[in-house]
């Protein structure tokens, strides 16, 4: 589980088998803050397992993950370590299970922030004004929604400290629908199905 508050942006690349990213947590072996093999880290919002640690972090990446994310194309990656018991939850609950990629369309400056617009994904039911969404692992609030797009408001600090600053129109961006919206959709689907079955039995 993650919070969507990015801790580091680091260079990396996919070598055809593994994702290799600069290790921002290099430290003495006796430090409890060191990243260890087997640890889960959010990489552009995708929960990946560390398989090797040196000056870089090495991750095995499965076919499903490659197909649903932008990991093979990126040069700069948002990184966040998993939430620990007692940690502050400053963003929203992010599982690291990326739903797919959406497309960055445009941005415009609005006073002390930037409005960034993206193509609405197939999970349109999870895109609601003032709702939460994770984009490249970043916890963001949806500012507005139209038939085909949605817009988030990004403060200068978030823009500077994440890889959103590298986006150009057409860039693929990983997204994860808010987990509470997903659960609500699942419950409503079951409720509607049962209601339909009941009506069929009645008539």
N, C-alpha and C. Protein backbone atom coordinates (compact mmCIF):
# COMPACT_ATOMS: atom_id res chain seq x y z
N UNK A 1 0.85 -1.19 0.00
CA UNK A 1 0.00 0.00 0.00
C UNK A 1 0.88 1.24 0.00
N UNK A 2 0.45 2.26 -0.75
CA UNK A 2 1.21 3.49 -0.89
C UNK A 2 0.28 4.69 -0.65
N UNK A 3 0.89 5.88 -0.61
CA UNK A 3 0.10 7.08 -0.36
C UNK A 3 -0.01 7.99 -1.56
N UNK A 4 0.83 7.79 -2.56
CA UNK A 4 0.83 8.67 -3.72
C UNK A 4 1.64 9.93 -3.51
N UNK A 5 2.44 9.97 -2.44
CA UNK A 5 3.35 11.08 -2.19
C UNK A 5 4.74 10.65 -2.64
N UNK A 6 5.19 11.20 -3.75
CA UNK A 6 6.44 10.77 -4.37
C UNK A 6 7.64 11.19 -3.53
N UNK A 7 8.58 10.26 -3.37
CA UNK A 7 9.77 10.53 -2.56
C UNK A 7 11.00 10.89 -3.40
N UNK A 8 11.10 10.31 -4.58
CA UNK A 8 12.25 10.59 -5.45
C UNK A 8 11.84 10.44 -6.91
N UNK A 9 12.50 11.19 -7.78
CA UNK A 9 12.42 11.00 -9.22
C UNK A 9 13.82 10.62 -9.69
N UNK A 10 13.94 9.44 -10.31
CA UNK A 10 15.27 8.94 -10.68
C UNK A 10 15.30 8.45 -12.12
N UNK A 11 16.49 8.53 -12.72
CA UNK A 11 16.69 8.02 -14.07
C UNK A 11 16.69 6.50 -14.06
N UNK A 12 16.27 5.94 -15.17
CA UNK A 12 16.29 4.49 -15.29
C UNK A 12 15.98 4.06 -16.70
N UNK A 13 15.98 2.75 -16.92
CA UNK A 13 15.68 2.23 -18.26
C UNK A 13 15.28 0.77 -18.15
N UNK A 14 14.56 0.29 -19.16
CA UNK A 14 14.18 -1.11 -19.26
C UNK A 14 15.12 -1.77 -20.25
N UNK A 15 15.84 -2.82 -19.81
CA UNK A 15 16.85 -3.43 -20.67
C UNK A 15 16.32 -4.61 -21.49
N UNK A 16 15.01 -4.76 -21.52
CA UNK A 16 14.41 -5.87 -22.24
C UNK A 16 13.98 -7.00 -21.34
N UNK A 17 14.52 -7.01 -20.12
CA UNK A 17 14.16 -8.03 -19.13
C UNK A 17 13.85 -7.41 -17.78
N UNK A 18 14.74 -6.51 -17.36
CA UNK A 18 14.57 -5.88 -16.06
C UNK A 18 14.53 -4.36 -16.18
N UNK A 19 13.83 -3.77 -15.22
CA UNK A 19 13.83 -2.32 -15.09
C UNK A 19 14.94 -1.95 -14.12
N UNK A 20 15.83 -1.06 -14.53
CA UNK A 20 16.99 -0.68 -13.73
C UNK A 20 16.93 0.82 -13.48
N UNK A 21 16.88 1.21 -12.19
CA UNK A 21 16.69 2.60 -11.82
C UNK A 21 17.72 3.00 -10.77
N UNK A 22 18.22 4.22 -10.86
CA UNK A 22 19.16 4.72 -9.86
C UNK A 22 18.59 4.53 -8.46
N UNK A 23 19.45 4.11 -7.54
CA UNK A 23 19.02 3.87 -6.16
C UNK A 23 19.20 5.12 -5.32
N UNK A 24 18.11 5.79 -4.94
CA UNK A 24 18.23 7.02 -4.15
C UNK A 24 18.39 6.75 -2.66
N UNK A 25 18.29 5.47 -2.25
CA UNK A 25 18.36 5.11 -0.83
C UNK A 25 19.66 4.40 -0.50
N UNK A 26 20.75 4.71 -1.20
CA UNK A 26 22.04 4.09 -0.88
C UNK A 26 22.47 4.48 0.52
N UNK A 27 22.85 3.49 1.32
CA UNK A 27 23.19 3.77 2.71
C UNK A 27 23.98 2.60 3.29
N UNK A 28 24.56 2.74 4.48
CA UNK A 28 25.31 1.65 5.11
C UNK A 28 24.45 0.41 5.28
N UNK A 29 25.07 -0.76 5.23
CA UNK A 29 24.32 -2.01 5.30
C UNK A 29 23.58 -2.20 6.61
N UNK A 30 24.05 -1.54 7.69
CA UNK A 30 23.39 -1.72 8.98
C UNK A 30 22.25 -0.73 9.21
N UNK A 31 21.93 0.07 8.20
CA UNK A 31 20.87 1.06 8.35
C UNK A 31 19.51 0.43 8.06
N UNK A 32 18.53 0.76 8.88
CA UNK A 32 17.18 0.25 8.67
C UNK A 32 16.47 0.94 7.51
N UNK A 33 17.11 2.00 6.99
CA UNK A 33 16.50 2.74 5.89
C UNK A 33 16.92 2.20 4.53
N UNK A 34 17.78 1.22 4.48
CA UNK A 34 18.23 0.66 3.21
C UNK A 34 17.11 -0.12 2.54
N UNK A 35 17.05 -0.03 1.23
CA UNK A 35 16.14 -0.88 0.46
C UNK A 35 16.74 -2.28 0.42
N UNK A 36 15.90 -3.29 0.58
CA UNK A 36 16.37 -4.68 0.60
C UNK A 36 15.68 -5.47 -0.49
N UNK A 37 16.31 -6.56 -0.88
CA UNK A 37 15.72 -7.46 -1.87
C UNK A 37 14.38 -7.99 -1.34
N UNK A 38 13.38 -7.99 -2.19
CA UNK A 38 12.05 -8.43 -1.80
C UNK A 38 11.13 -7.30 -1.40
N UNK A 39 11.66 -6.09 -1.24
CA UNK A 39 10.84 -4.95 -0.85
C UNK A 39 9.99 -4.48 -2.03
N UNK A 40 8.79 -4.01 -1.72
CA UNK A 40 7.90 -3.46 -2.74
C UNK A 40 8.08 -1.95 -2.83
N UNK A 41 8.21 -1.47 -4.05
CA UNK A 41 8.36 -0.04 -4.30
C UNK A 41 7.41 0.36 -5.43
N UNK A 42 6.77 1.50 -5.27
CA UNK A 42 5.93 2.04 -6.33
C UNK A 42 6.81 2.74 -7.35
N UNK A 43 6.75 2.26 -8.58
CA UNK A 43 7.53 2.83 -9.68
C UNK A 43 6.54 3.36 -10.71
N UNK A 44 6.43 4.69 -10.80
CA UNK A 44 5.39 5.30 -11.64
C UNK A 44 4.01 4.74 -11.31
N UNK A 45 3.81 4.40 -10.05
CA UNK A 45 2.52 3.91 -9.61
C UNK A 45 2.35 2.42 -9.67
N UNK A 46 3.30 1.70 -10.25
CA UNK A 46 3.21 0.24 -10.33
C UNK A 46 4.00 -0.38 -9.17
N UNK A 47 3.37 -1.26 -8.43
CA UNK A 47 4.04 -1.92 -7.32
C UNK A 47 4.98 -3.00 -7.87
N UNK A 48 6.28 -2.80 -7.69
CA UNK A 48 7.29 -3.73 -8.18
C UNK A 48 8.15 -4.24 -7.03
N UNK A 49 8.70 -5.44 -7.20
CA UNK A 49 9.54 -6.06 -6.18
C UNK A 49 11.01 -5.91 -6.53
N UNK A 50 11.79 -5.45 -5.58
CA UNK A 50 13.23 -5.31 -5.77
C UNK A 50 13.89 -6.69 -5.81
N UNK A 51 14.66 -6.97 -6.88
CA UNK A 51 15.32 -8.28 -7.00
C UNK A 51 16.84 -8.18 -6.86
N UNK A 52 17.35 -6.95 -6.93
CA UNK A 52 18.80 -6.75 -6.77
C UNK A 52 19.02 -5.31 -6.35
N UNK A 53 19.98 -5.11 -5.44
CA UNK A 53 20.29 -3.77 -4.96
C UNK A 53 21.79 -3.52 -5.06
N UNK A 54 22.17 -2.47 -5.75
CA UNK A 54 23.55 -1.97 -5.75
C UNK A 54 23.45 -0.46 -5.88
N UNK A 55 24.22 0.14 -6.78
CA UNK A 55 24.01 1.57 -6.99
C UNK A 55 22.69 1.85 -7.70
N UNK A 56 22.10 0.75 -8.21
CA UNK A 56 20.79 0.82 -8.83
C UNK A 56 19.81 -0.11 -8.13
N UNK A 57 18.53 0.07 -8.42
CA UNK A 57 17.49 -0.86 -8.01
C UNK A 57 17.07 -1.65 -9.24
N UNK A 58 16.98 -2.97 -9.10
CA UNK A 58 16.64 -3.83 -10.23
C UNK A 58 15.28 -4.48 -9.97
N UNK A 59 14.42 -4.45 -10.98
CA UNK A 59 13.08 -5.02 -10.86
C UNK A 59 12.79 -5.94 -12.04
N UNK A 60 12.27 -7.13 -11.77
CA UNK A 60 11.70 -7.95 -12.83
C UNK A 60 10.34 -7.37 -13.18
N UNK A 61 10.01 -7.34 -14.47
CA UNK A 61 8.73 -6.78 -14.91
C UNK A 61 8.04 -7.78 -15.82
N UNK A 62 6.85 -8.21 -15.42
CA UNK A 62 6.10 -9.18 -16.19
C UNK A 62 5.44 -8.60 -17.43
N UNK A 63 4.99 -9.47 -18.30
CA UNK A 63 4.35 -9.06 -19.56
C UNK A 63 3.11 -8.23 -19.30
N UNK A 64 2.29 -8.65 -18.33
CA UNK A 64 1.06 -7.92 -18.01
C UNK A 64 1.38 -6.50 -17.57
N UNK A 65 2.40 -6.35 -16.74
CA UNK A 65 2.79 -5.02 -16.27
C UNK A 65 3.29 -4.15 -17.42
N UNK A 66 4.09 -4.75 -18.29
CA UNK A 66 4.60 -4.00 -19.44
C UNK A 66 3.48 -3.54 -20.35
N UNK A 67 2.48 -4.40 -20.53
CA UNK A 67 1.38 -4.08 -21.43
C UNK A 67 0.46 -3.00 -20.87
N UNK A 68 0.38 -2.90 -19.54
CA UNK A 68 -0.56 -1.96 -18.92
C UNK A 68 0.07 -0.67 -18.44
N UNK A 69 1.38 -0.55 -18.56
CA UNK A 69 2.06 0.63 -18.01
C UNK A 69 2.98 1.28 -19.05
N UNK A 70 3.58 2.39 -18.63
CA UNK A 70 4.53 3.11 -19.48
C UNK A 70 5.99 2.82 -19.11
N UNK A 71 6.22 1.76 -18.32
CA UNK A 71 7.56 1.53 -17.76
C UNK A 71 8.64 1.32 -18.82
N UNK A 72 8.29 0.70 -19.92
CA UNK A 72 9.32 0.42 -20.93
C UNK A 72 9.74 1.67 -21.71
N UNK A 73 8.93 2.73 -21.62
CA UNK A 73 9.20 3.93 -22.42
C UNK A 73 9.85 5.07 -21.63
N UNK A 74 9.78 5.01 -20.32
CA UNK A 74 10.19 6.14 -19.49
C UNK A 74 11.70 6.25 -19.31
N UNK A 75 12.14 7.47 -19.00
CA UNK A 75 13.53 7.73 -18.64
C UNK A 75 13.65 8.23 -17.21
N UNK A 76 12.57 8.80 -16.69
CA UNK A 76 12.53 9.30 -15.32
C UNK A 76 11.33 8.68 -14.61
N UNK A 77 11.58 8.16 -13.39
CA UNK A 77 10.56 7.39 -12.69
C UNK A 77 10.27 7.98 -11.31
N UNK A 78 8.98 8.07 -11.00
CA UNK A 78 8.55 8.45 -9.65
C UNK A 78 8.67 7.23 -8.74
N UNK A 79 9.31 7.41 -7.58
CA UNK A 79 9.51 6.30 -6.65
C UNK A 79 8.90 6.63 -5.29
N UNK A 80 8.27 5.60 -4.70
CA UNK A 80 7.75 5.70 -3.33
C UNK A 80 7.85 4.34 -2.66
N UNK A 81 8.41 4.33 -1.46
CA UNK A 81 8.46 3.08 -0.69
C UNK A 81 7.09 2.80 -0.08
N UNK A 82 6.86 1.52 0.23
CA UNK A 82 5.56 1.11 0.76
C UNK A 82 5.27 1.77 2.10
N UNK A 83 4.00 2.00 2.35
CA UNK A 83 3.54 2.61 3.59
C UNK A 83 3.81 1.67 4.76
N UNK A 84 4.37 2.21 5.84
CA UNK A 84 4.61 1.44 7.05
C UNK A 84 3.60 1.80 8.12
N UNK A 85 3.36 0.87 9.03
CA UNK A 85 2.43 1.12 10.13
C UNK A 85 2.91 2.35 10.91
N UNK A 86 2.02 3.31 11.09
CA UNK A 86 2.35 4.53 11.82
C UNK A 86 2.76 5.68 10.93
N UNK A 87 2.99 5.42 9.63
CA UNK A 87 3.34 6.49 8.71
C UNK A 87 2.15 7.40 8.48
N UNK A 88 2.45 8.66 8.15
CA UNK A 88 1.39 9.62 7.85
C UNK A 88 0.83 9.35 6.46
N UNK A 89 -0.50 9.37 6.35
CA UNK A 89 -1.16 9.20 5.06
C UNK A 89 -1.51 10.58 4.53
N UNK A 90 -0.59 11.14 3.74
CA UNK A 90 -0.79 12.51 3.27
C UNK A 90 -1.53 12.57 1.93
N UNK A 91 -1.58 11.45 1.21
CA UNK A 91 -2.28 11.44 -0.06
C UNK A 91 -3.58 10.67 0.05
N UNK A 92 -3.70 9.56 -0.71
CA UNK A 92 -4.84 8.65 -0.55
C UNK A 92 -4.32 7.23 -0.72
N UNK A 93 -5.15 6.24 -0.39
CA UNK A 93 -4.70 4.86 -0.48
C UNK A 93 -4.48 4.47 -1.94
N UNK A 94 -3.23 4.13 -2.26
CA UNK A 94 -2.85 3.71 -3.61
C UNK A 94 -2.31 2.29 -3.52
N UNK A 95 -2.87 1.37 -4.29
CA UNK A 95 -2.49 -0.04 -4.17
C UNK A 95 -1.26 -0.41 -4.99
N UNK A 96 -0.95 0.39 -6.02
CA UNK A 96 0.14 0.02 -6.91
C UNK A 96 -0.29 -0.92 -8.02
N UNK A 97 -1.61 -1.15 -8.14
CA UNK A 97 -2.14 -2.00 -9.21
C UNK A 97 -2.65 -1.09 -10.32
N UNK A 98 -1.79 -0.80 -11.26
CA UNK A 98 -2.10 0.15 -12.33
C UNK A 98 -3.21 -0.41 -13.22
N UNK A 99 -4.20 0.44 -13.52
CA UNK A 99 -5.31 0.02 -14.38
C UNK A 99 -4.94 0.08 -15.85
N UNK A 100 -4.06 0.98 -16.21
CA UNK A 100 -3.66 1.14 -17.61
C UNK A 100 -2.99 2.48 -17.79
N UNK A 101 -2.92 2.93 -19.02
CA UNK A 101 -2.34 4.24 -19.31
C UNK A 101 -3.40 5.14 -19.95
N UNK A 102 -3.31 6.40 -19.61
CA UNK A 102 -4.10 7.42 -20.27
C UNK A 102 -3.14 8.35 -21.00
N UNK A 103 -3.66 9.31 -21.72
CA UNK A 103 -2.81 10.19 -22.53
C UNK A 103 -2.87 11.62 -22.00
N UNK A 104 -1.70 12.21 -21.80
CA UNK A 104 -1.62 13.62 -21.42
C UNK A 104 -1.94 14.46 -22.65
N UNK A 105 -2.86 15.42 -22.48
CA UNK A 105 -3.30 16.23 -23.61
C UNK A 105 -2.74 17.65 -23.61
N UNK A 106 -2.85 18.33 -22.46
CA UNK A 106 -2.43 19.73 -22.46
C UNK A 106 -2.31 20.24 -21.03
N UNK A 107 -1.72 21.44 -20.90
CA UNK A 107 -1.65 22.09 -19.60
C UNK A 107 -1.76 23.59 -19.78
N UNK A 108 -2.23 24.24 -18.74
CA UNK A 108 -2.31 25.69 -18.74
C UNK A 108 -2.10 26.21 -17.33
N UNK A 109 -1.49 27.37 -17.25
CA UNK A 109 -1.21 27.97 -15.95
C UNK A 109 -2.46 28.65 -15.41
N UNK A 110 -2.72 28.42 -14.13
CA UNK A 110 -3.87 29.05 -13.47
C UNK A 110 -3.41 29.60 -12.13
N UNK A 111 -3.09 30.88 -12.09
CA UNK A 111 -2.59 31.54 -10.90
C UNK A 111 -1.35 30.81 -10.37
N UNK A 112 -1.43 30.20 -9.19
CA UNK A 112 -0.25 29.58 -8.58
C UNK A 112 -0.22 28.06 -8.79
N UNK A 113 -0.87 27.59 -9.84
CA UNK A 113 -0.87 26.16 -10.12
C UNK A 113 -0.96 25.93 -11.62
N UNK A 114 -0.93 24.65 -11.99
CA UNK A 114 -1.03 24.27 -13.40
C UNK A 114 -2.19 23.29 -13.55
N UNK A 115 -3.03 23.52 -14.52
CA UNK A 115 -4.12 22.61 -14.84
C UNK A 115 -3.65 21.66 -15.94
N UNK A 116 -3.66 20.35 -15.65
CA UNK A 116 -3.19 19.35 -16.60
C UNK A 116 -4.37 18.46 -17.01
N UNK A 117 -4.58 18.34 -18.31
CA UNK A 117 -5.74 17.63 -18.84
C UNK A 117 -5.32 16.32 -19.49
N UNK A 118 -6.10 15.28 -19.21
CA UNK A 118 -5.82 13.93 -19.70
C UNK A 118 -7.07 13.33 -20.36
N UNK A 119 -6.85 12.36 -21.20
CA UNK A 119 -7.97 11.63 -21.80
C UNK A 119 -8.64 10.78 -20.74
N UNK A 120 -9.97 10.78 -20.72
CA UNK A 120 -10.70 9.98 -19.74
C UNK A 120 -10.52 8.50 -20.05
N UNK A 121 -10.12 7.68 -19.06
CA UNK A 121 -9.89 6.25 -19.31
C UNK A 121 -11.20 5.48 -19.39
N UNK A 122 -11.11 4.18 -19.67
CA UNK A 122 -12.31 3.36 -19.82
C UNK A 122 -13.08 3.24 -18.51
N UNK A 123 -12.39 3.38 -17.37
CA UNK A 123 -13.07 3.35 -16.08
C UNK A 123 -13.65 4.73 -15.78
N UNK A 124 -14.51 5.21 -16.69
CA UNK A 124 -15.08 6.55 -16.59
C UNK A 124 -15.86 6.74 -15.28
N UNK A 125 -16.40 5.65 -14.75
CA UNK A 125 -17.20 5.73 -13.52
C UNK A 125 -16.36 6.15 -12.32
N UNK A 126 -15.04 5.97 -12.40
CA UNK A 126 -14.17 6.34 -11.29
C UNK A 126 -13.63 7.75 -11.39
N UNK A 127 -14.01 8.46 -12.46
CA UNK A 127 -13.52 9.82 -12.68
C UNK A 127 -14.63 10.79 -12.32
N UNK A 128 -14.56 11.33 -11.12
CA UNK A 128 -15.57 12.28 -10.65
C UNK A 128 -14.89 13.52 -10.08
N UNK A 129 -15.54 14.65 -10.21
CA UNK A 129 -14.99 15.90 -9.69
C UNK A 129 -14.76 15.80 -8.19
N UNK A 130 -13.60 16.23 -7.76
CA UNK A 130 -13.13 16.19 -6.37
C UNK A 130 -12.76 14.78 -5.91
N UNK A 131 -12.83 13.79 -6.81
CA UNK A 131 -12.39 12.44 -6.48
C UNK A 131 -10.88 12.32 -6.59
N UNK A 132 -10.35 11.21 -6.09
CA UNK A 132 -8.90 10.98 -6.14
C UNK A 132 -8.53 10.08 -7.30
N UNK A 133 -7.31 10.27 -7.82
CA UNK A 133 -6.75 9.41 -8.84
C UNK A 133 -5.24 9.43 -8.68
N UNK A 134 -4.59 8.32 -9.01
CA UNK A 134 -3.13 8.27 -9.01
C UNK A 134 -2.64 8.30 -10.45
N UNK A 135 -1.79 9.27 -10.77
CA UNK A 135 -1.19 9.41 -12.10
C UNK A 135 0.32 9.28 -11.97
N UNK A 136 0.89 8.26 -12.61
CA UNK A 136 2.31 7.95 -12.44
C UNK A 136 2.66 7.81 -10.96
N UNK A 137 1.66 7.30 -10.19
CA UNK A 137 1.88 7.08 -8.77
C UNK A 137 1.64 8.27 -7.88
N UNK A 138 1.25 9.40 -8.46
CA UNK A 138 1.06 10.64 -7.70
C UNK A 138 -0.41 10.77 -7.28
N UNK A 139 -0.65 11.00 -6.02
CA UNK A 139 -2.00 11.22 -5.52
C UNK A 139 -2.47 12.61 -5.94
N UNK A 140 -3.54 12.65 -6.75
CA UNK A 140 -4.05 13.92 -7.25
C UNK A 140 -5.56 13.98 -7.10
N UNK A 141 -6.08 15.19 -7.04
CA UNK A 141 -7.52 15.41 -6.96
C UNK A 141 -8.04 15.88 -8.31
N UNK A 142 -9.12 15.28 -8.76
CA UNK A 142 -9.70 15.64 -10.05
C UNK A 142 -10.44 16.97 -9.92
N UNK A 143 -10.01 17.95 -10.70
CA UNK A 143 -10.58 19.30 -10.60
C UNK A 143 -11.84 19.44 -11.43
N UNK A 144 -11.87 18.83 -12.62
CA UNK A 144 -13.05 18.93 -13.48
C UNK A 144 -13.09 17.74 -14.43
N UNK A 145 -14.30 17.47 -14.94
CA UNK A 145 -14.52 16.33 -15.82
C UNK A 145 -15.41 16.76 -16.98
N UNK A 146 -15.06 16.30 -18.19
CA UNK A 146 -15.92 16.51 -19.35
C UNK A 146 -16.26 15.14 -19.93
N UNK A 147 -16.93 15.12 -21.06
CA UNK A 147 -17.32 13.84 -21.67
C UNK A 147 -16.12 12.98 -22.03
N UNK A 148 -15.04 13.61 -22.49
CA UNK A 148 -13.89 12.87 -23.00
C UNK A 148 -12.61 13.04 -22.19
N UNK A 149 -12.57 14.02 -21.28
CA UNK A 149 -11.32 14.34 -20.58
C UNK A 149 -11.57 14.58 -19.09
N UNK A 150 -10.46 14.64 -18.35
CA UNK A 150 -10.51 15.11 -16.97
C UNK A 150 -9.27 15.95 -16.71
N UNK A 151 -9.37 16.84 -15.73
CA UNK A 151 -8.28 17.77 -15.44
C UNK A 151 -7.93 17.72 -13.97
N UNK A 152 -6.63 17.76 -13.68
CA UNK A 152 -6.16 17.84 -12.30
C UNK A 152 -5.40 19.14 -12.12
N UNK A 153 -5.45 19.67 -10.92
CA UNK A 153 -4.72 20.90 -10.59
C UNK A 153 -3.45 20.52 -9.86
N UNK A 154 -2.32 20.96 -10.38
CA UNK A 154 -1.01 20.58 -9.83
C UNK A 154 -0.30 21.81 -9.31
N UNK A 155 0.10 21.77 -8.03
CA UNK A 155 0.83 22.89 -7.46
C UNK A 155 2.29 22.84 -7.91
N UNK A 156 3.00 23.97 -7.88
CA UNK A 156 4.39 24.00 -8.36
C UNK A 156 5.29 22.97 -7.68
N UNK A 157 5.10 22.74 -6.37
CA UNK A 157 5.94 21.77 -5.66
C UNK A 157 5.79 20.38 -6.26
N UNK A 158 4.56 19.95 -6.51
CA UNK A 158 4.32 18.62 -7.08
C UNK A 158 4.89 18.53 -8.50
N UNK A 159 4.73 19.57 -9.27
CA UNK A 159 5.25 19.58 -10.64
C UNK A 159 6.76 19.46 -10.63
N UNK A 160 7.42 20.15 -9.71
CA UNK A 160 8.88 20.15 -9.65
C UNK A 160 9.44 18.84 -9.10
N UNK A 161 8.74 18.21 -8.16
CA UNK A 161 9.25 17.03 -7.47
C UNK A 161 8.80 15.71 -8.08
N UNK A 162 8.13 15.75 -9.23
CA UNK A 162 7.68 14.52 -9.89
C UNK A 162 8.02 14.57 -11.37
N UNK A 163 7.75 13.46 -12.07
CA UNK A 163 8.06 13.45 -13.50
C UNK A 163 6.94 14.03 -14.36
N UNK A 164 5.93 14.64 -13.73
CA UNK A 164 4.91 15.35 -14.50
C UNK A 164 5.53 16.48 -15.32
N UNK A 165 6.62 17.04 -14.83
CA UNK A 165 7.25 18.17 -15.52
C UNK A 165 7.83 17.77 -16.88
N UNK A 166 8.02 16.47 -17.11
CA UNK A 166 8.58 16.01 -18.38
C UNK A 166 7.52 15.66 -19.41
N UNK A 167 6.25 15.72 -19.04
CA UNK A 167 5.19 15.31 -19.96
C UNK A 167 5.06 16.28 -21.13
N UNK A 168 4.81 15.71 -22.31
CA UNK A 168 4.47 16.49 -23.50
C UNK A 168 3.17 15.91 -24.04
N UNK A 169 2.40 16.68 -24.80
CA UNK A 169 1.15 16.14 -25.33
C UNK A 169 1.37 14.81 -26.06
N UNK A 170 0.56 13.82 -25.69
CA UNK A 170 0.70 12.48 -26.26
C UNK A 170 1.43 11.51 -25.37
N UNK A 171 2.02 12.00 -24.26
CA UNK A 171 2.75 11.12 -23.36
C UNK A 171 1.79 10.15 -22.66
N UNK A 172 2.14 8.84 -22.59
CA UNK A 172 1.32 7.90 -21.82
C UNK A 172 1.59 8.04 -20.34
N UNK A 173 0.55 7.99 -19.54
CA UNK A 173 0.66 8.17 -18.09
C UNK A 173 -0.09 7.03 -17.40
N UNK A 174 0.57 6.37 -16.45
CA UNK A 174 -0.09 5.31 -15.68
C UNK A 174 -1.18 5.91 -14.80
N UNK A 175 -2.30 5.21 -14.72
CA UNK A 175 -3.36 5.68 -13.82
C UNK A 175 -3.88 4.52 -12.98
N UNK A 176 -4.34 4.85 -11.78
CA UNK A 176 -5.02 3.91 -10.90
C UNK A 176 -6.26 4.58 -10.33
N UNK A 177 -7.41 3.97 -10.59
CA UNK A 177 -8.67 4.48 -10.07
C UNK A 177 -8.68 4.33 -8.55
N UNK A 178 -9.31 5.29 -7.88
CA UNK A 178 -9.42 5.27 -6.42
C UNK A 178 -10.03 3.96 -5.95
N UNK A 179 -9.41 3.32 -4.97
CA UNK A 179 -9.84 2.01 -4.50
C UNK A 179 -11.25 2.04 -3.92
N UNK A 180 -11.65 3.14 -3.29
CA UNK A 180 -12.99 3.21 -2.72
C UNK A 180 -14.04 3.32 -3.82
N UNK A 181 -13.73 4.03 -4.90
CA UNK A 181 -14.64 4.10 -6.05
C UNK A 181 -14.79 2.71 -6.67
N UNK A 182 -13.69 1.97 -6.72
CA UNK A 182 -13.74 0.62 -7.29
C UNK A 182 -14.63 -0.31 -6.46
N UNK A 183 -14.46 -0.27 -5.14
CA UNK A 183 -15.28 -1.11 -4.28
C UNK A 183 -16.76 -0.73 -4.39
N UNK A 184 -17.03 0.57 -4.43
CA UNK A 184 -18.42 1.01 -4.54
C UNK A 184 -19.02 0.54 -5.85
N UNK A 185 -18.25 0.62 -6.94
CA UNK A 185 -18.73 0.15 -8.24
C UNK A 185 -19.02 -1.34 -8.18
N UNK A 186 -18.15 -2.11 -7.53
CA UNK A 186 -18.35 -3.55 -7.43
C UNK A 186 -19.61 -3.90 -6.65
N UNK A 187 -19.83 -3.20 -5.54
CA UNK A 187 -21.02 -3.45 -4.72
C UNK A 187 -22.28 -3.09 -5.49
N UNK A 188 -22.26 -1.94 -6.18
CA UNK A 188 -23.43 -1.53 -6.95
C UNK A 188 -23.73 -2.49 -8.09
N UNK A 189 -22.68 -3.00 -8.74
CA UNK A 189 -22.88 -3.97 -9.83
C UNK A 189 -23.55 -5.23 -9.30
N UNK A 190 -23.10 -5.72 -8.16
CA UNK A 190 -23.70 -6.92 -7.55
C UNK A 190 -25.14 -6.64 -7.15
N UNK A 191 -25.37 -5.48 -6.56
CA UNK A 191 -26.73 -5.11 -6.13
C UNK A 191 -27.68 -5.03 -7.32
N UNK A 192 -27.21 -4.40 -8.42
CA UNK A 192 -28.06 -4.27 -9.60
C UNK A 192 -28.33 -5.62 -10.25
N UNK A 193 -27.33 -6.50 -10.25
CA UNK A 193 -27.50 -7.83 -10.81
C UNK A 193 -28.51 -8.62 -10.01
N UNK A 194 -28.41 -8.55 -8.69
CA UNK A 194 -29.36 -9.26 -7.83
C UNK A 194 -30.77 -8.69 -7.98
N UNK A 195 -30.87 -7.37 -8.13
CA UNK A 195 -32.17 -6.73 -8.31
C UNK A 195 -32.80 -7.18 -9.62
N UNK A 196 -31.98 -7.28 -10.66
CA UNK A 196 -32.47 -7.74 -11.97
C UNK A 196 -32.93 -9.17 -11.89
N UNK A 197 -32.16 -10.04 -11.24
CA UNK A 197 -32.53 -11.45 -11.09
C UNK A 197 -33.84 -11.60 -10.31
N UNK A 198 -33.98 -10.75 -9.28
CA UNK A 198 -35.19 -10.80 -8.45
C UNK A 198 -36.41 -10.39 -9.28
N UNK A 199 -36.24 -9.37 -10.11
CA UNK A 199 -37.36 -8.92 -10.95
C UNK A 199 -37.73 -9.99 -11.98
N UNK A 200 -36.75 -10.72 -12.50
CA UNK A 200 -37.02 -11.80 -13.44
C UNK A 200 -37.82 -12.91 -12.76
N UNK A 201 -37.48 -13.21 -11.51
CA UNK A 201 -38.18 -14.26 -10.78
C UNK A 201 -39.60 -13.82 -10.44
N UNK A 202 -39.78 -12.55 -10.17
CA UNK A 202 -41.08 -12.01 -9.78
C UNK A 202 -42.09 -12.04 -10.93
N UNK A 203 -41.56 -11.72 -12.12
CA UNK A 203 -42.45 -11.64 -13.26
C UNK A 203 -42.31 -12.87 -14.18
